[in-house]
């Protein structure tokens, strides 16, 4: 099991749909201050169910939604998805690739999804139970293919 892909749209500094693909092994993210490096790890924590907005460096839940710039309007929602290679079957689900998504609208409406099917936060937490992966332990286990 390993983190194969991260897809972001409207999450913090990622206004446009952005896809980051990861290969087994070590992945590094580099860039100047303010370029969004920390937003990448924040988005993974958020998808995995982080409820503390302070932990995501915000004051209120809508702070994860792209707020706009002088040249660009703010967006009405944020969405982040992690795609996990599950060919080894470590996740208790019968798919070789699992996509977990979290979405939040500015009006407060939100949702969690597993493979595009609506679910509860509890379902996400149960999916990763006993894997050693969760909102507080994301990188130790996904830096290598287990």
Protein backbone atom coordinates (compact mmCIF):
# COMPACT_ATOMS: atom_id res chain seq x y z
CA UNK A 1 0.00 0.00 0.00
CA UNK A 2 1.30 3.42 -0.88
CA UNK A 3 0.10 6.92 -1.65
CA UNK A 4 -0.15 7.00 -5.42
CA UNK A 5 -1.76 10.36 -6.12
CA UNK A 6 -3.05 13.53 -4.49
CA UNK A 7 -5.70 15.57 -6.29
CA UNK A 8 -6.55 19.07 -5.08
CA UNK A 9 -9.12 21.58 -6.30
CA UNK A 10 -9.83 24.79 -4.42
CA UNK A 11 -7.88 23.66 -1.36
CA UNK A 12 -6.03 26.63 0.15
CA UNK A 13 -3.51 27.86 -2.46
CA UNK A 14 -4.49 25.23 -5.06
CA UNK A 15 -7.28 27.07 -6.91
CA UNK A 16 -6.97 25.05 -10.10
CA UNK A 17 -7.30 21.29 -10.18
CA UNK A 18 -3.84 20.00 -9.36
CA UNK A 19 -2.62 16.41 -9.40
CA UNK A 20 0.57 15.23 -7.71
CA UNK A 21 1.68 11.70 -8.56
CA UNK A 22 3.92 9.73 -6.23
CA UNK A 23 6.03 6.68 -6.94
CA UNK A 24 7.16 4.10 -4.40
CA UNK A 25 10.23 5.33 -2.58
CA UNK A 26 11.13 8.76 -1.33
CA UNK A 27 9.33 11.86 -2.57
CA UNK A 28 10.39 15.39 -1.70
CA UNK A 29 8.52 18.62 -2.22
CA UNK A 30 10.64 21.73 -2.59
CA UNK A 31 9.84 25.33 -3.32
CA UNK A 32 10.12 28.86 -1.97
CA UNK A 33 8.31 30.06 1.13
CA UNK A 34 4.62 30.57 0.49
CA UNK A 35 4.46 28.25 -2.52
CA UNK A 36 2.07 25.73 -0.92
CA UNK A 37 4.36 22.96 0.35
CA UNK A 38 2.67 22.79 3.75
CA UNK A 39 -0.74 22.88 2.08
CA UNK A 40 0.08 19.50 0.54
CA UNK A 41 0.50 17.82 3.91
CA UNK A 42 -2.48 19.78 5.29
CA UNK A 43 -4.67 18.41 2.50
CA UNK A 44 -3.74 14.81 3.28
CA UNK A 45 -4.47 15.32 6.97
CA UNK A 46 -7.78 16.96 6.02
CA UNK A 47 -8.84 14.04 3.79
CA UNK A 48 -7.98 11.60 6.57
CA UNK A 49 -10.41 13.40 8.87
CA UNK A 50 -8.55 16.17 10.65
CA UNK A 51 -11.18 18.19 12.54
CA UNK A 52 -8.92 20.78 14.16
CA UNK A 53 -8.74 23.77 11.85
CA UNK A 54 -5.85 25.10 13.98
CA UNK A 55 -3.90 21.95 13.03
CA UNK A 56 -4.47 22.95 9.40
CA UNK A 57 -3.21 26.47 10.11
CA UNK A 58 -6.63 28.10 9.88
CA UNK A 59 -9.13 29.89 12.11
CA UNK A 60 -12.41 28.57 10.68
CA UNK A 61 -13.34 25.64 8.46
CA UNK A 62 -13.80 27.73 5.32
CA UNK A 63 -10.13 28.75 5.56
CA UNK A 64 -9.30 25.58 3.60
CA UNK A 65 -11.23 26.99 0.60
CA UNK A 66 -9.27 29.11 -1.88
CA UNK A 67 -9.93 32.70 -0.73
CA UNK A 68 -9.08 34.47 -3.98
CA UNK A 69 -6.48 37.02 -5.00
CA UNK A 70 -6.51 40.46 -6.58
CA UNK A 71 -6.71 38.80 -9.99
CA UNK A 72 -8.90 35.81 -9.17
CA UNK A 73 -12.24 35.27 -7.44
CA UNK A 74 -12.56 33.04 -4.41
CA UNK A 75 -13.97 29.57 -4.97
CA UNK A 76 -17.11 28.11 -3.45
CA UNK A 77 -15.64 24.77 -2.41
CA UNK A 78 -12.49 22.82 -1.59
CA UNK A 79 -11.88 19.22 -2.52
CA UNK A 80 -8.96 16.92 -1.88
CA UNK A 81 -8.54 13.25 -2.83
CA UNK A 82 -5.87 10.73 -2.03
CA UNK A 83 -5.45 7.72 -4.29
CA UNK A 84 -3.92 4.70 -2.63
CA UNK A 85 -2.43 1.67 -4.33
CA UNK A 86 -3.98 -1.26 -2.50
CA UNK A 87 -2.73 -4.12 -4.67
CA UNK A 88 -1.33 -5.77 -1.55
CA UNK A 89 -4.81 -5.72 0.05
CA UNK A 90 -3.73 -4.01 3.28
CA UNK A 91 -6.86 -1.88 3.24
CA UNK A 92 -9.97 -3.96 4.07
CA UNK A 93 -11.71 -3.16 0.79
CA UNK A 94 -11.88 -5.14 -2.43
CA UNK A 95 -10.25 -2.59 -4.71
CA UNK A 96 -6.66 -2.46 -5.90
CA UNK A 97 -6.88 1.34 -6.00
CA UNK A 98 -8.80 3.32 -3.37
CA UNK A 99 -9.72 6.98 -3.64
CA UNK A 100 -10.68 8.86 -0.48
CA UNK A 101 -12.16 12.33 -0.98
CA UNK A 102 -13.29 15.15 1.27
CA UNK A 103 -15.27 18.14 0.03
CA UNK A 104 -16.36 21.34 1.77
CA UNK A 105 -18.61 24.10 0.40
CA UNK A 106 -18.57 27.68 1.59
CA UNK A 107 -22.13 27.29 2.89
CA UNK A 108 -20.84 24.65 5.34
CA UNK A 109 -22.11 21.60 3.44
CA UNK A 110 -19.49 18.86 3.32
CA UNK A 111 -18.95 15.24 2.47
CA UNK A 112 -16.58 12.30 2.56
CA UNK A 113 -16.32 9.73 -0.23
CA UNK A 114 -14.65 6.38 -0.79
CA UNK A 115 -14.30 5.58 -4.49
CA UNK A 116 -16.86 8.34 -5.27
CA UNK A 117 -19.47 6.82 -2.96
CA UNK A 118 -20.66 9.07 -0.12
CA UNK A 119 -19.67 7.84 3.32
CA UNK A 120 -19.14 9.01 6.89
CA UNK A 121 -15.95 10.13 8.60
CA UNK A 122 -16.31 6.98 10.69
CA UNK A 123 -16.03 4.89 7.50
CA UNK A 124 -12.77 6.64 6.57
CA UNK A 125 -11.35 6.09 10.05
CA UNK A 126 -12.36 2.42 9.98
CA UNK A 127 -10.82 1.96 6.53
CA UNK A 128 -7.40 2.98 7.86
CA UNK A 129 -7.74 1.35 11.28
CA UNK A 130 -4.91 -1.09 11.98
CA UNK A 131 -2.85 0.22 9.04
CA UNK A 132 -0.79 2.69 11.08
CA UNK A 133 -2.02 5.48 8.81
CA UNK A 134 -4.17 8.34 10.00
CA UNK A 135 -4.30 12.11 10.19
CA UNK A 136 -1.47 12.11 12.75
CA UNK A 137 0.73 9.49 11.07
CA UNK A 138 0.70 10.07 7.34
CA UNK A 139 4.28 10.26 6.22
CA UNK A 140 6.00 7.60 8.29
CA UNK A 141 4.08 4.86 6.54
CA UNK A 142 3.74 6.26 3.04
CA UNK A 143 7.36 7.14 2.41
CA UNK A 144 8.07 3.61 1.28
CA UNK A 145 6.12 0.81 -0.30
CA UNK A 146 5.34 -1.65 2.53
